Amino acid sequence: MKIKSIVAANIRKYRKKLRMTQEQAAERAEITTPYWQRLELVSQTDLPSLPTIFKIARALHIKPYQLLKE
């Protein structure tokens, strides 16, 4: 479960750093807004797939590994 909280925190941190809304970030990543919102919730148990990690990283202008770093 720890990896999920790290990924959720990083998605939120990098999105806020770019001053994007969840809707804007989801659109850039080509995923739905409700899914993006779930990914930012630590209470959710689903992790994004590898292709989705790459989409999110591209949308946030970061390298994919940065979503997994503590």
N, C-alpha and C. Protein backbone atom coordinates (compact mmCIF):
# COMPACT_ATOMS: atom_id res chain seq x y z
N MET A 1 0.81 -1.20 0.00
CA MET A 1 0.00 0.00 0.00
C MET A 1 0.85 1.26 0.00
N LYS A 2 2.09 1.16 0.48
CA LYS A 2 2.94 2.33 0.55
C LYS A 2 3.22 2.92 -0.83
N ILE A 3 3.44 2.08 -1.82
CA ILE A 3 3.72 2.58 -3.17
C ILE A 3 2.54 3.40 -3.68
N LYS A 4 1.32 2.98 -3.36
CA LYS A 4 0.13 3.72 -3.79
C LYS A 4 0.13 5.12 -3.20
N SER A 5 0.47 5.24 -1.93
CA SER A 5 0.47 6.57 -1.31
C SER A 5 1.58 7.45 -1.88
N ILE A 6 2.70 6.86 -2.25
CA ILE A 6 3.79 7.61 -2.87
C ILE A 6 3.36 8.11 -4.24
N VAL A 7 2.78 7.23 -5.05
CA VAL A 7 2.32 7.61 -6.39
C VAL A 7 1.25 8.69 -6.29
N ALA A 8 0.28 8.52 -5.41
CA ALA A 8 -0.80 9.49 -5.25
C ALA A 8 -0.25 10.86 -4.85
N ALA A 9 0.66 10.87 -3.88
CA ALA A 9 1.25 12.13 -3.41
C ALA A 9 2.05 12.81 -4.51
N ASN A 10 2.79 12.03 -5.29
CA ASN A 10 3.59 12.61 -6.37
C ASN A 10 2.73 13.16 -7.50
N ILE A 11 1.68 12.45 -7.85
CA ILE A 11 0.78 12.94 -8.89
C ILE A 11 0.20 14.29 -8.46
N ARG A 12 -0.26 14.34 -7.25
CA ARG A 12 -0.84 15.58 -6.72
C ARG A 12 0.21 16.70 -6.65
N LYS A 13 1.41 16.37 -6.13
CA LYS A 13 2.48 17.36 -5.97
C LYS A 13 2.88 17.98 -7.31
N TYR A 14 3.14 17.14 -8.31
CA TYR A 14 3.59 17.65 -9.60
C TYR A 14 2.48 18.40 -10.34
N ARG A 15 1.25 17.96 -10.17
CA ARG A 15 0.13 18.67 -10.79
C ARG A 15 -0.01 20.07 -10.20
N LYS A 16 0.06 20.14 -8.87
CA LYS A 16 -0.07 21.44 -8.21
C LYS A 16 1.11 22.35 -8.54
N LYS A 17 2.28 21.76 -8.69
CA LYS A 17 3.47 22.54 -9.06
C LYS A 17 3.25 23.25 -10.40
N LEU A 18 2.54 22.59 -11.30
CA LEU A 18 2.24 23.17 -12.61
C LEU A 18 0.97 24.03 -12.57
N ARG A 19 0.34 24.10 -11.41
CA ARG A 19 -0.89 24.88 -11.22
C ARG A 19 -2.00 24.44 -12.19
N MET A 20 -2.12 23.15 -12.33
CA MET A 20 -3.16 22.58 -13.18
C MET A 20 -4.28 22.03 -12.31
N THR A 21 -5.48 22.10 -12.84
CA THR A 21 -6.60 21.44 -12.17
C THR A 21 -6.52 19.95 -12.50
N GLN A 22 -7.29 19.18 -11.78
CA GLN A 22 -7.35 17.75 -12.09
C GLN A 22 -7.91 17.54 -13.49
N GLU A 23 -8.87 18.36 -13.86
CA GLU A 23 -9.47 18.25 -15.19
C GLU A 23 -8.45 18.52 -16.29
N GLN A 24 -7.65 19.57 -16.11
CA GLN A 24 -6.63 19.91 -17.11
C GLN A 24 -5.58 18.80 -17.21
N ALA A 25 -5.15 18.30 -16.07
CA ALA A 25 -4.14 17.25 -16.06
C ALA A 25 -4.67 15.97 -16.71
N ALA A 26 -5.90 15.62 -16.39
CA ALA A 26 -6.51 14.42 -16.98
C ALA A 26 -6.61 14.56 -18.49
N GLU A 27 -7.01 15.72 -18.95
CA GLU A 27 -7.12 15.95 -20.39
C GLU A 27 -5.76 15.80 -21.07
N ARG A 28 -4.73 16.36 -20.47
CA ARG A 28 -3.37 16.24 -21.03
C ARG A 28 -2.89 14.79 -21.08
N ALA A 29 -3.29 14.04 -20.05
CA ALA A 29 -2.87 12.64 -19.97
C ALA A 29 -3.77 11.71 -20.77
N GLU A 30 -4.84 12.27 -21.32
CA GLU A 30 -5.80 11.49 -22.10
C GLU A 30 -6.45 10.38 -21.28
N ILE A 31 -6.79 10.74 -20.02
CA ILE A 31 -7.55 9.84 -19.16
C ILE A 31 -8.75 10.64 -18.62
N THR A 32 -9.70 9.96 -18.03
CA THR A 32 -10.89 10.66 -17.54
C THR A 32 -10.57 11.39 -16.23
N THR A 33 -11.31 12.45 -15.99
CA THR A 33 -11.14 13.22 -14.75
C THR A 33 -11.45 12.37 -13.51
N PRO A 34 -12.53 11.58 -13.52
CA PRO A 34 -12.78 10.75 -12.33
C PRO A 34 -11.64 9.76 -12.04
N TYR A 35 -11.03 9.23 -13.10
CA TYR A 35 -9.91 8.31 -12.89
C TYR A 35 -8.72 9.07 -12.30
N TRP A 36 -8.44 10.26 -12.82
CA TRP A 36 -7.34 11.07 -12.27
C TRP A 36 -7.61 11.35 -10.78
N GLN A 37 -8.83 11.70 -10.47
CA GLN A 37 -9.18 11.99 -9.08
C GLN A 37 -8.95 10.77 -8.19
N ARG A 38 -9.31 9.60 -8.68
CA ARG A 38 -9.07 8.36 -7.92
C ARG A 38 -7.59 8.12 -7.71
N LEU A 39 -6.78 8.42 -8.72
CA LEU A 39 -5.33 8.20 -8.61
C LEU A 39 -4.70 9.09 -7.55
N GLU A 40 -5.28 10.24 -7.30
CA GLU A 40 -4.75 11.15 -6.28
C GLU A 40 -5.23 10.79 -4.88
N LEU A 41 -6.16 9.88 -4.76
CA LEU A 41 -6.67 9.47 -3.45
C LEU A 41 -5.86 8.31 -2.90
N VAL A 42 -5.26 8.52 -1.75
CA VAL A 42 -4.45 7.46 -1.13
C VAL A 42 -5.32 6.29 -0.71
N SER A 43 -6.59 6.55 -0.43
CA SER A 43 -7.49 5.49 0.03
C SER A 43 -7.83 4.48 -1.06
N GLN A 44 -7.61 4.84 -2.31
CA GLN A 44 -7.90 3.91 -3.41
C GLN A 44 -6.78 2.88 -3.52
N THR A 45 -7.12 1.69 -3.94
CA THR A 45 -6.12 0.63 -4.01
C THR A 45 -5.58 0.40 -5.42
N ASP A 46 -6.21 0.99 -6.42
CA ASP A 46 -5.74 0.73 -7.78
C ASP A 46 -4.55 1.62 -8.13
N LEU A 47 -3.56 0.99 -8.73
CA LEU A 47 -2.39 1.71 -9.24
C LEU A 47 -2.56 1.85 -10.74
N PRO A 48 -2.04 2.93 -11.32
CA PRO A 48 -2.13 3.07 -12.77
C PRO A 48 -1.26 2.03 -13.47
N SER A 49 -1.67 1.64 -14.65
CA SER A 49 -0.87 0.71 -15.44
C SER A 49 0.40 1.42 -15.91
N LEU A 50 1.35 0.67 -16.40
CA LEU A 50 2.60 1.25 -16.89
C LEU A 50 2.35 2.26 -18.03
N PRO A 51 1.51 1.94 -19.03
CA PRO A 51 1.24 2.94 -20.07
C PRO A 51 0.62 4.22 -19.49
N THR A 52 -0.23 4.07 -18.47
CA THR A 52 -0.85 5.24 -17.85
C THR A 52 0.18 6.05 -17.06
N ILE A 53 1.12 5.37 -16.41
CA ILE A 53 2.21 6.08 -15.71
C ILE A 53 2.94 6.98 -16.71
N PHE A 54 3.21 6.46 -17.90
CA PHE A 54 3.91 7.25 -18.92
C PHE A 54 3.06 8.43 -19.38
N LYS A 55 1.76 8.23 -19.54
CA LYS A 55 0.86 9.32 -19.94
C LYS A 55 0.83 10.41 -18.88
N ILE A 56 0.74 10.00 -17.62
CA ILE A 56 0.70 10.96 -16.51
C ILE A 56 2.01 11.74 -16.44
N ALA A 57 3.12 11.04 -16.54
CA ALA A 57 4.43 11.69 -16.49
C ALA A 57 4.57 12.71 -17.62
N ARG A 58 4.15 12.33 -18.81
CA ARG A 58 4.22 13.25 -19.96
C ARG A 58 3.36 14.48 -19.70
N ALA A 59 2.17 14.28 -19.16
CA ALA A 59 1.26 15.39 -18.88
C ALA A 59 1.83 16.33 -17.82
N LEU A 60 2.62 15.78 -16.89
CA LEU A 60 3.18 16.57 -15.80
C LEU A 60 4.61 17.06 -16.09
N HIS A 61 5.10 16.75 -17.27
CA HIS A 61 6.44 17.16 -17.70
C HIS A 61 7.54 16.62 -16.78
N ILE A 62 7.41 15.35 -16.42
CA ILE A 62 8.39 14.70 -15.58
C ILE A 62 8.74 13.35 -16.18
N LYS A 63 9.77 12.71 -15.62
CA LYS A 63 10.13 11.35 -16.02
C LYS A 63 9.25 10.37 -15.24
N PRO A 64 8.87 9.25 -15.84
CA PRO A 64 7.99 8.30 -15.14
C PRO A 64 8.49 7.87 -13.77
N TYR A 65 9.81 7.68 -13.62
CA TYR A 65 10.33 7.23 -12.33
C TYR A 65 10.07 8.23 -11.20
N GLN A 66 9.86 9.49 -11.55
CA GLN A 66 9.62 10.51 -10.52
C GLN A 66 8.29 10.29 -9.80
N LEU A 67 7.37 9.59 -10.43
CA LEU A 67 6.10 9.28 -9.77
C LEU A 67 6.28 8.21 -8.69
N LEU A 68 7.37 7.47 -8.77
CA LEU A 68 7.60 6.37 -7.84
C LEU A 68 8.58 6.68 -6.73
N LYS A 69 9.22 7.84 -6.80
CA LYS A 69 10.24 8.22 -5.83
C LYS A 69 9.63 8.80 -4.57
N GLU A 70 10.21 8.40 -3.43
CA GLU A 70 9.79 8.98 -2.15
C GLU A 70 10.37 10.35 -1.99
